[in-house]
Amino acid sequence: MGIFSTVFGVGLGVASLIGYVRWRHWKQQLQMWEGFAKTRGWSFMARAGFMYTAGTLEMKGRLAGRPITVETEHRGTGKEYHIVTIVRHGLGNGFPREVTIRPETLGDTVLRLFGNKDEDIGEASLDNALDLRNVTPKARAFLLRPEMRQPLLDLARAFETFSIENGVLTVEVISVPRTAVAMYGLLKPVRGLVDAVRDTLGETD
């Protein structure tokens, strides 16, 4: 009975410590996200987690004159459980909605050997970094504009998972920013692309 009580007590202590650390991280994230949203006039919503699990966070507003959503989401179960942060940012009506863009992966490189190749736009660095689909002449001309090259490459270097579909950029990372610096780092490549699109279209806020 004594050994059982000791083991039970140690287990309870470890669980409590894990729960406390997770709670501290959650509170830090909650405060930072709420403050970040407030200073920009964005809406903010948090959903508390159950027991020791972290909740989810969501911010909505406008960045560079475009609608943006930043939110967290739970994925998987058990040992595969993790939380991702998802950014969705509209690129405006002037961006070619027919084109689909994703990062080039190792799997894409292998598929090329079997003839399953994506489309090229004629700029080697972009063709090597991006998986491009439905590239119309209009989309090709837009993507080849000088203003677009570096922001697209920066996006591919910063994120392993992203897509541009129907004029909306979606980015996903397996982490949750807990500081303003980390949030700025997450949004910087996104803002860079949005600004490039606006410059290419000659738009202003």
N, C-alpha and C. Protein backbone atom coordinates (compact mmCIF):
# COMPACT_ATOMS: atom_id res chain seq x y z
N MET A 1 0.84 -1.20 0.00
CA MET A 1 0.00 0.00 0.00
C MET A 1 0.87 1.25 0.00
N GLY A 2 1.97 1.19 0.78
CA GLY A 2 2.87 2.33 0.85
C GLY A 2 3.54 2.62 -0.48
N ILE A 3 3.98 1.56 -1.17
CA ILE A 3 4.62 1.72 -2.47
C ILE A 3 3.64 2.28 -3.48
N PHE A 4 2.40 1.76 -3.44
CA PHE A 4 1.36 2.26 -4.36
C PHE A 4 1.11 3.74 -4.14
N SER A 5 1.04 4.14 -2.86
CA SER A 5 0.79 5.55 -2.54
C SER A 5 1.93 6.43 -3.03
N THR A 6 3.15 5.91 -2.89
CA THR A 6 4.31 6.68 -3.34
C THR A 6 4.31 6.87 -4.84
N VAL A 7 4.07 5.76 -5.55
CA VAL A 7 4.03 5.82 -7.01
C VAL A 7 2.91 6.74 -7.47
N PHE A 8 1.74 6.60 -6.83
CA PHE A 8 0.59 7.45 -7.19
C PHE A 8 0.91 8.91 -6.93
N GLY A 9 1.57 9.17 -5.80
CA GLY A 9 1.92 10.55 -5.46
C GLY A 9 2.90 11.15 -6.45
N VAL A 10 3.90 10.37 -6.86
CA VAL A 10 4.88 10.84 -7.84
C VAL A 10 4.20 11.11 -9.17
N GLY A 11 3.34 10.18 -9.59
CA GLY A 11 2.62 10.37 -10.85
C GLY A 11 1.75 11.60 -10.83
N LEU A 12 1.07 11.82 -9.71
CA LEU A 12 0.22 13.00 -9.58
C LEU A 12 1.04 14.27 -9.61
N GLY A 13 2.21 14.22 -8.96
CA GLY A 13 3.09 15.39 -8.94
C GLY A 13 3.60 15.73 -10.33
N VAL A 14 4.00 14.70 -11.09
CA VAL A 14 4.49 14.92 -12.46
C VAL A 14 3.38 15.49 -13.34
N ALA A 15 2.17 14.91 -13.21
CA ALA A 15 1.04 15.39 -14.00
C ALA A 15 0.72 16.84 -13.66
N SER A 16 0.79 17.16 -12.37
CA SER A 16 0.51 18.54 -11.94
C SER A 16 1.55 19.50 -12.49
N LEU A 17 2.81 19.07 -12.48
CA LEU A 17 3.88 19.93 -13.00
C LEU A 17 3.70 20.16 -14.50
N ILE A 18 3.38 19.09 -15.24
CA ILE A 18 3.14 19.23 -16.69
C ILE A 18 1.95 20.15 -16.94
N GLY A 19 0.90 19.95 -16.14
CA GLY A 19 -0.27 20.80 -16.29
C GLY A 19 0.04 22.25 -16.01
N TYR A 20 0.87 22.50 -15.00
CA TYR A 20 1.23 23.89 -14.65
C TYR A 20 2.04 24.54 -15.76
N VAL A 21 3.00 23.80 -16.32
CA VAL A 21 3.83 24.35 -17.40
C VAL A 21 2.96 24.66 -18.61
N ARG A 22 2.06 23.74 -18.95
CA ARG A 22 1.17 23.98 -20.09
C ARG A 22 0.25 25.18 -19.83
N TRP A 23 -0.22 25.28 -18.60
CA TRP A 23 -1.07 26.42 -18.25
C TRP A 23 -0.31 27.73 -18.38
N ARG A 24 0.95 27.77 -17.94
CA ARG A 24 1.76 28.98 -18.06
C ARG A 24 1.97 29.35 -19.53
N HIS A 25 2.26 28.36 -20.35
CA HIS A 25 2.44 28.62 -21.78
C HIS A 25 1.15 29.15 -22.40
N TRP A 26 0.03 28.55 -22.01
CA TRP A 26 -1.27 28.98 -22.52
C TRP A 26 -1.54 30.44 -22.14
N LYS A 27 -1.29 30.79 -20.88
CA LYS A 27 -1.53 32.16 -20.43
C LYS A 27 -0.63 33.15 -21.16
N GLN A 28 0.62 32.75 -21.39
CA GLN A 28 1.56 33.62 -22.12
C GLN A 28 1.07 33.84 -23.54
N GLN A 29 0.67 32.77 -24.21
CA GLN A 29 0.14 32.89 -25.57
C GLN A 29 -1.12 33.74 -25.59
N LEU A 30 -2.01 33.49 -24.65
CA LEU A 30 -3.28 34.20 -24.59
C LEU A 30 -3.07 35.70 -24.45
N GLN A 31 -2.21 36.11 -23.54
CA GLN A 31 -1.96 37.53 -23.30
C GLN A 31 -1.31 38.19 -24.50
N MET A 32 -0.34 37.51 -25.11
CA MET A 32 0.35 38.10 -26.24
C MET A 32 -0.59 38.25 -27.44
N TRP A 33 -1.33 37.20 -27.77
CA TRP A 33 -2.26 37.24 -28.91
C TRP A 33 -3.32 38.32 -28.71
N GLU A 34 -3.87 38.40 -27.51
CA GLU A 34 -4.91 39.40 -27.25
C GLU A 34 -4.34 40.81 -27.40
N GLY A 35 -3.14 41.04 -26.86
CA GLY A 35 -2.51 42.35 -26.99
C GLY A 35 -2.15 42.68 -28.42
N PHE A 36 -1.66 41.69 -29.15
CA PHE A 36 -1.29 41.88 -30.55
C PHE A 36 -2.52 42.29 -31.37
N ALA A 37 -3.64 41.60 -31.13
CA ALA A 37 -4.87 41.92 -31.86
C ALA A 37 -5.39 43.30 -31.48
N LYS A 38 -5.35 43.62 -30.20
CA LYS A 38 -5.89 44.89 -29.71
C LYS A 38 -5.17 46.08 -30.31
N THR A 39 -3.84 46.01 -30.41
CA THR A 39 -3.08 47.15 -30.93
C THR A 39 -3.33 47.37 -32.41
N ARG A 40 -3.90 46.39 -33.11
CA ARG A 40 -4.17 46.52 -34.54
C ARG A 40 -5.65 46.66 -34.86
N GLY A 41 -6.46 46.68 -33.83
CA GLY A 41 -7.90 46.79 -34.06
C GLY A 41 -8.51 45.52 -34.61
N TRP A 42 -7.86 44.37 -34.38
CA TRP A 42 -8.38 43.09 -34.84
C TRP A 42 -9.28 42.49 -33.78
N SER A 43 -10.15 41.60 -34.19
CA SER A 43 -10.96 40.85 -33.23
C SER A 43 -10.12 39.71 -32.67
N PHE A 44 -10.46 39.28 -31.47
CA PHE A 44 -9.73 38.19 -30.82
C PHE A 44 -10.71 37.27 -30.12
N MET A 45 -10.46 35.96 -30.21
CA MET A 45 -11.31 34.99 -29.53
C MET A 45 -10.44 33.83 -29.07
N ALA A 46 -10.69 33.36 -27.85
CA ALA A 46 -9.97 32.21 -27.31
C ALA A 46 -10.96 31.18 -26.80
N ARG A 47 -10.64 29.91 -27.03
CA ARG A 47 -11.44 28.81 -26.51
C ARG A 47 -10.56 28.00 -25.57
N ALA A 48 -10.98 27.89 -24.33
CA ALA A 48 -10.17 27.19 -23.33
C ALA A 48 -10.09 25.71 -23.65
N GLY A 49 -8.95 25.10 -23.26
CA GLY A 49 -8.78 23.67 -23.45
C GLY A 49 -9.39 22.89 -22.29
N PHE A 50 -9.33 21.57 -22.35
CA PHE A 50 -9.88 20.69 -21.31
C PHE A 50 -8.74 20.10 -20.50
N MET A 51 -8.82 20.21 -19.20
CA MET A 51 -7.80 19.69 -18.30
C MET A 51 -6.44 20.31 -18.66
N TYR A 52 -5.48 19.49 -19.09
CA TYR A 52 -4.14 19.98 -19.34
C TYR A 52 -3.90 20.37 -20.80
N THR A 53 -4.91 20.24 -21.63
CA THR A 53 -4.70 20.58 -23.04
C THR A 53 -4.83 22.08 -23.26
N ALA A 54 -4.05 22.59 -24.19
CA ALA A 54 -4.12 24.01 -24.52
C ALA A 54 -5.39 24.30 -25.31
N GLY A 55 -5.87 25.52 -25.20
CA GLY A 55 -7.04 25.92 -25.96
C GLY A 55 -6.64 26.38 -27.35
N THR A 56 -7.57 27.02 -28.03
CA THR A 56 -7.29 27.54 -29.37
C THR A 56 -7.47 29.06 -29.37
N LEU A 57 -6.77 29.71 -30.27
CA LEU A 57 -6.74 31.16 -30.36
C LEU A 57 -7.09 31.58 -31.79
N GLU A 58 -7.68 32.77 -31.91
CA GLU A 58 -8.04 33.26 -33.25
C GLU A 58 -8.02 34.78 -33.27
N MET A 59 -7.39 35.34 -34.30
CA MET A 59 -7.41 36.77 -34.55
C MET A 59 -7.92 37.00 -35.97
N LYS A 60 -8.72 38.04 -36.14
CA LYS A 60 -9.21 38.40 -37.47
C LYS A 60 -9.12 39.91 -37.63
N GLY A 61 -8.71 40.33 -38.82
CA GLY A 61 -8.65 41.76 -39.09
C GLY A 61 -8.21 42.02 -40.51
N ARG A 62 -7.51 43.13 -40.70
CA ARG A 62 -7.00 43.48 -42.02
C ARG A 62 -5.53 43.87 -41.88
N LEU A 63 -4.74 43.37 -42.80
CA LEU A 63 -3.31 43.67 -42.85
C LEU A 63 -2.98 44.09 -44.28
N ALA A 64 -2.37 45.27 -44.42
CA ALA A 64 -2.07 45.80 -45.75
C ALA A 64 -3.33 45.91 -46.60
N GLY A 65 -4.44 46.24 -45.94
CA GLY A 65 -5.69 46.42 -46.67
C GLY A 65 -6.39 45.15 -47.08
N ARG A 66 -5.88 43.99 -46.65
CA ARG A 66 -6.47 42.70 -47.02
C ARG A 66 -6.95 41.97 -45.77
N PRO A 67 -8.00 41.14 -45.89
CA PRO A 67 -8.47 40.37 -44.74
C PRO A 67 -7.46 39.30 -44.33
N ILE A 68 -7.27 39.16 -43.02
CA ILE A 68 -6.33 38.16 -42.51
C ILE A 68 -6.94 37.45 -41.31
N THR A 69 -6.67 36.16 -41.21
CA THR A 69 -7.05 35.36 -40.05
C THR A 69 -5.82 34.59 -39.58
N VAL A 70 -5.57 34.63 -38.27
CA VAL A 70 -4.49 33.86 -37.67
C VAL A 70 -5.13 33.03 -36.56
N GLU A 71 -5.01 31.71 -36.64
CA GLU A 71 -5.67 30.86 -35.65
C GLU A 71 -4.86 29.61 -35.38
N THR A 72 -5.12 28.99 -34.24
CA THR A 72 -4.49 27.72 -33.90
C THR A 72 -5.51 26.59 -34.01
N GLU A 73 -4.99 25.40 -34.22
CA GLU A 73 -5.88 24.24 -34.41
C GLU A 73 -5.19 22.99 -33.88
N HIS A 74 -5.93 22.13 -33.21
CA HIS A 74 -5.40 20.86 -32.71
C HIS A 74 -5.41 19.83 -33.84
N ARG A 75 -4.33 19.08 -33.93
CA ARG A 75 -4.23 18.03 -34.94
C ARG A 75 -3.76 16.73 -34.29
N GLY A 76 -4.32 15.61 -34.77
CA GLY A 76 -3.86 14.31 -34.33
C GLY A 76 -4.35 13.93 -32.95
N THR A 77 -3.94 12.73 -32.50
CA THR A 77 -4.28 12.21 -31.17
C THR A 77 -3.08 11.49 -30.59
N GLY A 78 -3.09 11.30 -29.28
CA GLY A 78 -2.03 10.55 -28.64
C GLY A 78 -0.65 11.16 -28.89
N LYS A 79 0.31 10.30 -29.22
CA LYS A 79 1.67 10.77 -29.45
C LYS A 79 1.77 11.64 -30.70
N GLU A 80 0.79 11.54 -31.59
CA GLU A 80 0.80 12.33 -32.82
C GLU A 80 0.12 13.69 -32.63
N TYR A 81 -0.32 13.98 -31.40
CA TYR A 81 -1.03 15.22 -31.12
C TYR A 81 -0.09 16.42 -31.22
N HIS A 82 -0.54 17.46 -31.89
CA HIS A 82 0.22 18.70 -31.95
C HIS A 82 -0.72 19.85 -32.28
N ILE A 83 -0.23 21.07 -32.13
CA ILE A 83 -1.01 22.26 -32.42
C ILE A 83 -0.34 23.02 -33.55
N VAL A 84 -1.12 23.47 -34.51
CA VAL A 84 -0.58 24.23 -35.63
C VAL A 84 -1.15 25.64 -35.60
N THR A 85 -0.40 26.57 -36.16
CA THR A 85 -0.88 27.93 -36.37
C THR A 85 -1.11 28.10 -37.86
N ILE A 86 -2.28 28.61 -38.20
CA ILE A 86 -2.68 28.78 -39.59
C ILE A 86 -2.92 30.26 -39.87
N VAL A 87 -2.32 30.76 -40.94
CA VAL A 87 -2.53 32.13 -41.38
C VAL A 87 -3.23 32.10 -42.73
N ARG A 88 -4.33 32.82 -42.85
CA ARG A 88 -5.01 32.96 -44.14
C ARG A 88 -5.08 34.44 -44.48
N HIS A 89 -4.58 34.78 -45.65
CA HIS A 89 -4.52 36.20 -46.03
C HIS A 89 -4.96 36.35 -47.48
N GLY A 90 -6.00 37.15 -47.71
CA GLY A 90 -6.45 37.40 -49.07
C GLY A 90 -5.44 38.23 -49.84
N LEU A 91 -5.27 37.91 -51.12
CA LEU A 91 -4.32 38.63 -51.96
C LEU A 91 -5.00 39.64 -52.88
N GLY A 92 -6.32 39.75 -52.79
CA GLY A 92 -7.03 40.75 -53.58
C GLY A 92 -7.56 40.20 -54.89
N ASN A 93 -8.51 40.92 -55.46
CA ASN A 93 -9.14 40.47 -56.69
C ASN A 93 -8.22 40.50 -57.90
N GLY A 94 -7.15 41.31 -57.83
CA GLY A 94 -6.25 41.41 -58.97
C GLY A 94 -5.30 40.24 -59.12
N PHE A 95 -5.15 39.44 -58.04
CA PHE A 95 -4.25 38.27 -58.13
C PHE A 95 -4.93 37.19 -58.96
N PRO A 96 -4.21 36.54 -59.89
CA PRO A 96 -4.81 35.51 -60.75
C PRO A 96 -5.39 34.36 -59.91
N ARG A 97 -6.70 34.26 -59.87
CA ARG A 97 -7.34 33.27 -59.01
C ARG A 97 -7.25 31.85 -59.55
N GLU A 98 -6.96 31.72 -60.83
CA GLU A 98 -6.92 30.38 -61.42
C GLU A 98 -5.66 29.60 -61.04
N VAL A 99 -4.58 30.30 -60.73
CA VAL A 99 -3.31 29.64 -60.46
C VAL A 99 -3.28 29.07 -59.04
N THR A 100 -2.65 27.89 -58.90
CA THR A 100 -2.44 27.27 -57.60
C THR A 100 -0.95 27.14 -57.37
N ILE A 101 -0.50 27.56 -56.19
CA ILE A 101 0.93 27.57 -55.88
C ILE A 101 1.16 26.88 -54.54
N ARG A 102 2.12 25.94 -54.52
CA ARG A 102 2.56 25.28 -53.29
C ARG A 102 4.08 25.17 -53.34
N PRO A 103 4.71 24.90 -52.21
CA PRO A 103 6.16 24.69 -52.24
C PRO A 103 6.53 23.39 -52.94
N GLU A 104 7.61 23.41 -53.65
CA GLU A 104 8.13 22.18 -54.26
C GLU A 104 8.66 21.27 -53.17
N THR A 105 8.29 20.00 -53.19
CA THR A 105 8.73 19.05 -52.17
C THR A 105 9.62 17.97 -52.80
N LEU A 106 10.24 17.18 -51.93
CA LEU A 106 11.05 16.06 -52.42
C LEU A 106 10.20 15.09 -53.21
N GLY A 107 8.96 14.88 -52.76
CA GLY A 107 8.05 14.00 -53.48
C GLY A 107 7.77 14.50 -54.88
N ASP A 108 7.66 15.83 -55.04
CA ASP A 108 7.44 16.40 -56.37
C ASP A 108 8.64 16.13 -57.27
N THR A 109 9.83 16.23 -56.67
CA THR A 109 11.05 15.97 -57.44
C THR A 109 11.10 14.53 -57.94
N VAL A 110 10.68 13.59 -57.08
CA VAL A 110 10.65 12.18 -57.47
C VAL A 110 9.62 11.95 -58.57
N LEU A 111 8.45 12.59 -58.43
CA LEU A 111 7.39 12.42 -59.43
C LEU A 111 7.82 12.95 -60.80
N ARG A 112 8.69 13.95 -60.80
CA ARG A 112 9.18 14.48 -62.07
C ARG A 112 9.87 13.38 -62.89
N LEU A 113 10.55 12.45 -62.18
CA LEU A 113 11.27 11.38 -62.86
C LEU A 113 10.32 10.45 -63.60
N PHE A 114 9.06 10.43 -63.18
CA PHE A 114 8.07 9.56 -63.80
C PHE A 114 7.12 10.35 -64.70
N GLY A 115 7.52 11.56 -65.02
CA GLY A 115 6.75 12.35 -65.98
C GLY A 115 5.63 13.17 -65.39
N ASN A 116 5.42 13.08 -64.07
CA ASN A 116 4.36 13.88 -63.43
C ASN A 116 4.96 15.21 -62.99
N LYS A 117 4.93 16.16 -63.88
CA LYS A 117 5.63 17.42 -63.68
C LYS A 117 4.64 18.57 -63.56
N ASP A 118 4.96 19.52 -62.68
CA ASP A 118 4.12 20.71 -62.59
C ASP A 118 4.46 21.65 -63.73
N GLU A 119 3.83 22.80 -63.75
CA GLU A 119 4.04 23.76 -64.83
C GLU A 119 5.16 24.73 -64.49
N ASP A 120 5.83 25.23 -65.50
CA ASP A 120 6.91 26.20 -65.34
C ASP A 120 6.47 27.55 -65.88
N ILE A 121 7.11 28.60 -65.33
CA ILE A 121 6.83 29.95 -65.84
C ILE A 121 8.03 30.55 -66.55
N GLY A 122 9.16 29.81 -66.55
CA GLY A 122 10.34 30.30 -67.28
C GLY A 122 11.33 31.07 -66.44
N GLU A 123 11.19 31.03 -65.10
CA GLU A 123 12.15 31.65 -64.19
C GLU A 123 12.67 30.54 -63.30
N ALA A 124 13.95 30.17 -63.47
CA ALA A 124 14.48 28.94 -62.87
C ALA A 124 14.30 28.88 -61.36
N SER A 125 14.60 29.94 -60.65
CA SER A 125 14.53 29.91 -59.19
C SER A 125 13.10 29.67 -58.71
N LEU A 126 12.13 30.29 -59.35
CA LEU A 126 10.73 30.09 -58.98
C LEU A 126 10.24 28.71 -59.40
N ASP A 127 10.63 28.25 -60.58
CA ASP A 127 10.21 26.93 -61.05
C ASP A 127 10.75 25.82 -60.15
N ASN A 128 11.97 26.02 -59.61
CA ASN A 128 12.57 25.01 -58.73
C ASN A 128 11.98 25.05 -57.32
N ALA A 129 11.52 26.21 -56.88
CA ALA A 129 11.04 26.37 -55.50
C ALA A 129 9.54 26.12 -55.36
N LEU A 130 8.79 26.26 -56.46
CA LEU A 130 7.33 26.24 -56.37
C LEU A 130 6.71 25.15 -57.23
N ASP A 131 5.62 24.59 -56.73
CA ASP A 131 4.78 23.69 -57.51
C ASP A 131 3.64 24.53 -58.06
N LEU A 132 3.62 24.73 -59.36
CA LEU A 132 2.67 25.65 -60.01
C LEU A 132 1.68 24.87 -60.86
N ARG A 133 0.40 25.21 -60.73
CA ARG A 133 -0.65 24.56 -61.50
C ARG A 133 -1.60 25.62 -62.07
N ASN A 134 -2.21 25.27 -63.20
CA ASN A 134 -3.19 26.16 -63.85
C ASN A 134 -2.58 27.53 -64.18
N VAL A 135 -1.39 27.51 -64.72
CA VAL A 135 -0.69 28.76 -65.04
C VAL A 135 -1.16 29.25 -66.42
N THR A 136 -2.06 30.18 -66.40
CA THR A 136 -2.54 30.80 -67.64
C THR A 136 -1.53 31.86 -68.08
N PRO A 137 -1.62 32.33 -69.32
CA PRO A 137 -0.73 33.43 -69.76
C PRO A 137 -0.81 34.64 -68.84
N LYS A 138 -2.01 34.96 -68.35
CA LYS A 138 -2.17 36.09 -67.44
C LYS A 138 -1.43 35.84 -66.13
N ALA A 139 -1.57 34.63 -65.60
CA ALA A 139 -0.90 34.29 -64.34
C ALA A 139 0.61 34.30 -64.51
N ARG A 140 1.10 33.75 -65.65
CA ARG A 140 2.54 33.73 -65.90
C ARG A 140 3.11 35.15 -65.94
N ALA A 141 2.43 36.03 -66.65
CA ALA A 141 2.89 37.41 -66.76
C ALA A 141 2.91 38.09 -65.39
N PHE A 142 1.91 37.79 -64.57
CA PHE A 142 1.83 38.39 -63.23
C PHE A 142 2.97 37.89 -62.35
N LEU A 143 3.20 36.58 -62.32
CA LEU A 143 4.22 36.00 -61.47
C LEU A 143 5.64 36.36 -61.90
N LEU A 144 5.82 36.69 -63.17
CA LEU A 144 7.14 37.06 -63.68
C LEU A 144 7.46 38.54 -63.47
N ARG A 145 6.54 39.29 -62.91
CA ARG A 145 6.83 40.68 -62.61
C ARG A 145 7.99 40.75 -61.62
N PRO A 146 8.92 41.70 -61.79
CA PRO A 146 10.10 41.78 -60.91
C PRO A 146 9.74 41.86 -59.42
N GLU A 147 8.62 42.51 -59.10
CA GLU A 147 8.25 42.68 -57.70
C GLU A 147 7.87 41.37 -57.01
N MET A 148 7.52 40.35 -57.81
CA MET A 148 6.98 39.13 -57.24
C MET A 148 8.04 38.08 -56.91
N ARG A 149 9.17 38.11 -57.56
CA ARG A 149 10.14 37.02 -57.45
C ARG A 149 10.62 36.81 -56.01
N GLN A 150 11.19 37.82 -55.38
CA GLN A 150 11.79 37.64 -54.06
C GLN A 150 10.76 37.30 -52.99
N PRO A 151 9.61 37.95 -52.94
CA PRO A 151 8.61 37.57 -51.93
C PRO A 151 8.14 36.11 -52.07
N LEU A 152 8.00 35.61 -53.30
CA LEU A 152 7.61 34.22 -53.49
C LEU A 152 8.72 33.27 -53.01
N LEU A 153 9.97 33.62 -53.31
CA LEU A 153 11.09 32.80 -52.83
C LEU A 153 11.19 32.85 -51.31
N ASP A 154 10.99 34.03 -50.72
CA ASP A 154 11.03 34.15 -49.26
C ASP A 154 9.95 33.28 -48.62
N LEU A 155 8.79 33.24 -49.24
CA LEU A 155 7.69 32.42 -48.73
C LEU A 155 8.07 30.94 -48.76
N ALA A 156 8.67 30.49 -49.87
CA ALA A 156 9.06 29.10 -50.00
C ALA A 156 10.17 28.72 -49.02
N ARG A 157 11.05 29.66 -48.72
CA ARG A 157 12.14 29.39 -47.77
C ARG A 157 11.64 29.38 -46.33
N ALA A 158 10.62 30.19 -46.04
CA ALA A 158 10.15 30.33 -44.67
C ALA A 158 9.21 29.21 -44.23
N PHE A 159 8.43 28.66 -45.17
CA PHE A 159 7.37 27.72 -44.79
C PHE A 159 7.43 26.44 -45.60
N GLU A 160 7.38 25.31 -44.90
CA GLU A 160 7.32 24.02 -45.58
C GLU A 160 5.92 23.74 -46.11
N THR A 161 4.91 24.35 -45.46
CA THR A 161 3.52 24.11 -45.85
C THR A 161 2.82 25.44 -46.09
N PHE A 162 2.46 25.69 -47.33
CA PHE A 162 1.64 26.85 -47.67
C PHE A 162 0.97 26.58 -49.01
N SER A 163 -0.04 27.37 -49.32
CA SER A 163 -0.70 27.26 -50.61
C SER A 163 -1.30 28.61 -50.97
N ILE A 164 -1.43 28.84 -52.27
CA ILE A 164 -2.18 29.98 -52.77
C ILE A 164 -3.23 29.41 -53.71
N GLU A 165 -4.48 29.53 -53.32
CA GLU A 165 -5.60 29.01 -54.10
C GLU A 165 -6.73 30.02 -54.08
N ASN A 166 -7.31 30.26 -55.24
CA ASN A 166 -8.44 31.19 -55.36
C ASN A 166 -8.11 32.55 -54.77
N GLY A 167 -6.87 32.97 -54.92
CA GLY A 167 -6.47 34.29 -54.46
C GLY A 167 -6.26 34.42 -52.97
N VAL A 168 -6.14 33.30 -52.24
CA VAL A 168 -5.93 33.34 -50.79
C VAL A 168 -4.66 32.57 -50.45
N LEU A 169 -3.78 33.21 -49.69
CA LEU A 169 -2.57 32.57 -49.20
C LEU A 169 -2.87 31.91 -47.86
N THR A 170 -2.55 30.62 -47.74
CA THR A 170 -2.72 29.89 -46.49
C THR A 170 -1.37 29.32 -46.07
N VAL A 171 -0.96 29.64 -44.86
CA VAL A 171 0.32 29.18 -44.32
C VAL A 171 0.05 28.36 -43.07
N GLU A 172 0.79 27.27 -42.88
CA GLU A 172 0.61 26.43 -41.69
C GLU A 172 1.97 26.08 -41.10
N VAL A 173 2.11 26.29 -39.78
CA VAL A 173 3.35 25.94 -39.08
C VAL A 173 3.02 25.14 -37.83
N ILE A 174 3.90 24.20 -37.47
CA ILE A 174 3.69 23.37 -36.27
C ILE A 174 4.34 24.08 -35.09
N SER A 175 3.77 25.18 -34.68
CA SER A 175 4.22 25.94 -33.52
C SER A 175 3.19 27.02 -33.26
N VAL A 176 3.26 27.60 -32.06
CA VAL A 176 2.35 28.69 -31.69
C VAL A 176 3.19 29.84 -31.16
N PRO A 177 3.16 31.00 -31.82
CA PRO A 177 3.95 32.14 -31.33
C PRO A 177 3.52 32.53 -29.91
N ARG A 178 4.52 32.70 -29.02
CA ARG A 178 4.22 33.13 -27.66
C ARG A 178 4.76 34.52 -27.37
N THR A 179 5.46 35.12 -28.34
CA THR A 179 5.97 36.47 -28.18
C THR A 179 5.62 37.29 -29.41
N ALA A 180 5.60 38.60 -29.25
CA ALA A 180 5.32 39.47 -30.39
C ALA A 180 6.38 39.32 -31.47
N VAL A 181 7.63 39.11 -31.06
CA VAL A 181 8.73 38.93 -32.02
C VAL A 181 8.47 37.69 -32.88
N ALA A 182 8.03 36.60 -32.25
CA ALA A 182 7.73 35.37 -33.00
C ALA A 182 6.55 35.58 -33.94
N MET A 183 5.55 36.35 -33.50
CA MET A 183 4.40 36.62 -34.36
C MET A 183 4.81 37.47 -35.56
N TYR A 184 5.63 38.49 -35.32
CA TYR A 184 6.14 39.29 -36.43
C TYR A 184 6.92 38.42 -37.41
N GLY A 185 7.73 37.50 -36.88
CA GLY A 185 8.50 36.62 -37.75
C GLY A 185 7.62 35.73 -38.60
N LEU A 186 6.51 35.27 -38.03
CA LEU A 186 5.57 34.45 -38.77
C LEU A 186 4.90 35.24 -39.89
N LEU A 187 4.54 36.49 -39.60
CA LEU A 187 3.76 37.29 -40.55
C LEU A 187 4.62 38.03 -41.57
N LYS A 188 5.92 38.16 -41.30
CA LYS A 188 6.77 38.96 -42.19
C LYS A 188 6.75 38.47 -43.64
N PRO A 189 7.00 37.16 -43.92
CA PRO A 189 6.96 36.71 -45.32
C PRO A 189 5.58 36.86 -45.95
N VAL A 190 4.54 36.71 -45.11
CA VAL A 190 3.16 36.87 -45.60
C VAL A 190 2.94 38.32 -46.03
N ARG A 191 3.32 39.25 -45.16
CA ARG A 191 3.16 40.67 -45.47
C ARG A 191 4.00 41.03 -46.69
N GLY A 192 5.18 40.44 -46.82
CA GLY A 192 6.03 40.73 -47.96
C GLY A 192 5.37 40.38 -49.28
N LEU A 193 4.68 39.23 -49.32
CA LEU A 193 4.00 38.83 -50.55
C LEU A 193 2.81 39.74 -50.82
N VAL A 194 2.04 40.05 -49.78
CA VAL A 194 0.87 40.91 -49.95
C VAL A 194 1.28 42.28 -50.47
N ASP A 195 2.36 42.83 -49.91
CA ASP A 195 2.84 44.13 -50.38
C ASP A 195 3.30 44.06 -51.84
N ALA A 196 3.95 42.95 -52.21
CA ALA A 196 4.41 42.79 -53.59
C ALA A 196 3.23 42.75 -54.56
N VAL A 197 2.17 42.05 -54.16
CA VAL A 197 0.98 41.98 -55.01
C VAL A 197 0.38 43.37 -55.17
N ARG A 198 0.30 44.12 -54.09
CA ARG A 198 -0.26 45.47 -54.15
C ARG A 198 0.61 46.38 -55.02
N ASP A 199 1.93 46.26 -54.90
CA ASP A 199 2.83 47.07 -55.73
C ASP A 199 2.69 46.71 -57.20
N THR A 200 2.56 45.41 -57.48
CA THR A 200 2.40 44.96 -58.86
C THR A 200 1.12 45.49 -59.46
N LEU A 201 0.07 45.55 -58.64
CA LEU A 201 -1.22 46.05 -59.13
C LEU A 201 -1.33 47.57 -59.07
N GLY A 202 -0.33 48.22 -58.43
CA GLY A 202 -0.35 49.67 -58.32
C GLY A 202 -1.40 50.17 -57.35
N GLU A 203 -1.71 49.35 -56.31
CA GLU A 203 -2.74 49.71 -55.35
C GLU A 203 -2.13 50.39 -54.14
N THR A 204 -2.96 51.11 -53.39
CA THR A 204 -2.58 51.71 -52.12
C THR A 204 -3.66 51.40 -51.10
N ASP A 205 -3.34 51.54 -49.81
CA ASP A 205 -4.33 51.29 -48.76
C ASP A 205 -5.49 52.26 -48.89
